[in-house]
Protein backbone atom coordinates (compact mmCIF):
# COMPACT_ATOMS: atom_id res chain seq x y z
CA MET A 1 -145.33 -17.59 66.78
CA PRO A 2 -142.16 -19.44 65.84
CA VAL A 3 -139.84 -17.97 63.27
CA LEU A 4 -140.34 -20.08 60.18
CA CYS A 5 -138.41 -20.35 56.96
CA CYS A 6 -141.15 -21.90 54.87
CA PRO A 7 -144.37 -20.40 53.45
CA LEU A 8 -147.31 -20.06 55.80
CA THR A 9 -150.36 -22.29 55.36
CA GLY A 10 -153.87 -20.85 55.00
CA THR A 11 -154.56 -21.37 58.71
CA MET A 12 -151.32 -19.71 59.71
CA MET A 13 -152.06 -16.73 57.46
CA GLU A 14 -155.48 -16.38 59.10
CA GLN A 15 -153.85 -16.43 62.54
CA LEU A 16 -151.31 -13.87 61.39
CA LYS A 17 -154.11 -11.50 60.33
CA GLU A 18 -155.70 -11.73 63.76
CA LYS A 19 -152.47 -11.46 65.73
CA VAL A 20 -151.09 -8.51 63.77
CA LYS A 21 -154.26 -6.50 64.30
CA ALA A 22 -154.52 -7.53 67.98
CA LEU A 23 -150.91 -6.50 68.60
CA ARG A 24 -151.34 -3.19 66.86
CA GLU A 25 -154.52 -2.37 68.75
CA LYS A 26 -153.04 -3.48 72.09
CA ARG A 27 -150.11 -1.12 71.56
CA GLY A 28 -152.33 1.71 70.34
CA TRP A 29 -150.38 1.84 67.09
CA THR A 30 -151.55 2.89 63.67
CA GLN A 31 -150.67 0.60 60.78
CA GLU A 32 -147.93 3.08 59.92
CA ASP A 33 -146.51 2.89 63.47
CA MET A 34 -146.41 -0.88 63.27
CA ALA A 35 -144.77 -0.86 59.85
CA ARG A 36 -142.06 1.45 61.17
CA GLU A 37 -141.51 -0.74 64.26
CA ILE A 38 -141.09 -3.90 62.16
CA GLY A 39 -139.21 -2.24 59.31
CA VAL A 40 -141.70 -2.88 56.51
CA CYS A 41 -143.88 -0.72 54.25
CA LEU A 42 -147.30 0.46 55.34
CA SER A 43 -148.86 -1.52 52.49
CA THR A 44 -147.28 -4.69 53.91
CA VAL A 45 -149.01 -4.27 57.27
CA GLN A 46 -152.26 -3.44 55.48
CA ARG A 47 -151.95 -6.63 53.43
CA TRP A 48 -151.18 -8.74 56.51
CA GLU A 49 -154.29 -7.44 58.26
CA LYS A 50 -156.52 -7.80 55.22
CA GLN A 51 -155.47 -11.13 53.74
CA GLY A 52 -152.66 -12.53 55.85
CA GLY A 53 -149.51 -12.95 53.87
CA ASN A 54 -146.10 -14.49 54.04
CA PRO A 55 -143.72 -12.19 55.93
CA THR A 56 -140.01 -12.37 55.29
CA ARG A 57 -137.91 -14.22 57.81
CA LEU A 58 -136.71 -10.92 59.28
CA ALA A 59 -140.29 -9.61 59.59
CA ARG A 60 -141.36 -12.89 61.21
CA ARG A 61 -138.57 -12.55 63.73
CA GLU A 62 -139.67 -9.01 64.59
CA LEU A 63 -143.32 -10.04 64.78
CA ALA A 64 -142.47 -12.98 67.06
CA ARG A 65 -140.50 -10.65 69.34
CA LEU A 66 -143.38 -8.16 69.50
CA PHE A 67 -146.02 -10.88 70.01
CA GLN A 68 -144.01 -12.36 72.87
CA LYS A 69 -143.42 -8.97 74.46
CA ALA A 70 -147.16 -8.20 74.26
CA GLY A 71 -148.24 -11.65 75.47
CA ILE A 72 -150.09 -12.45 72.26
């Protein structure tokens, strides 16, 4: 997932939902673990998994790093 500076489209938000949950489950992390790893609030990870969302540029960078590391 490239690091973007513009808002995510509906399709991208849907992909984000799936990828965030897949990454978390692959790592065996709780939502709280993932939030801590990325540096966001628990409610942010919950929102991403439930409805997608538009992560900050810093959060996108961290997500991209974790997705790449996990092969997602």
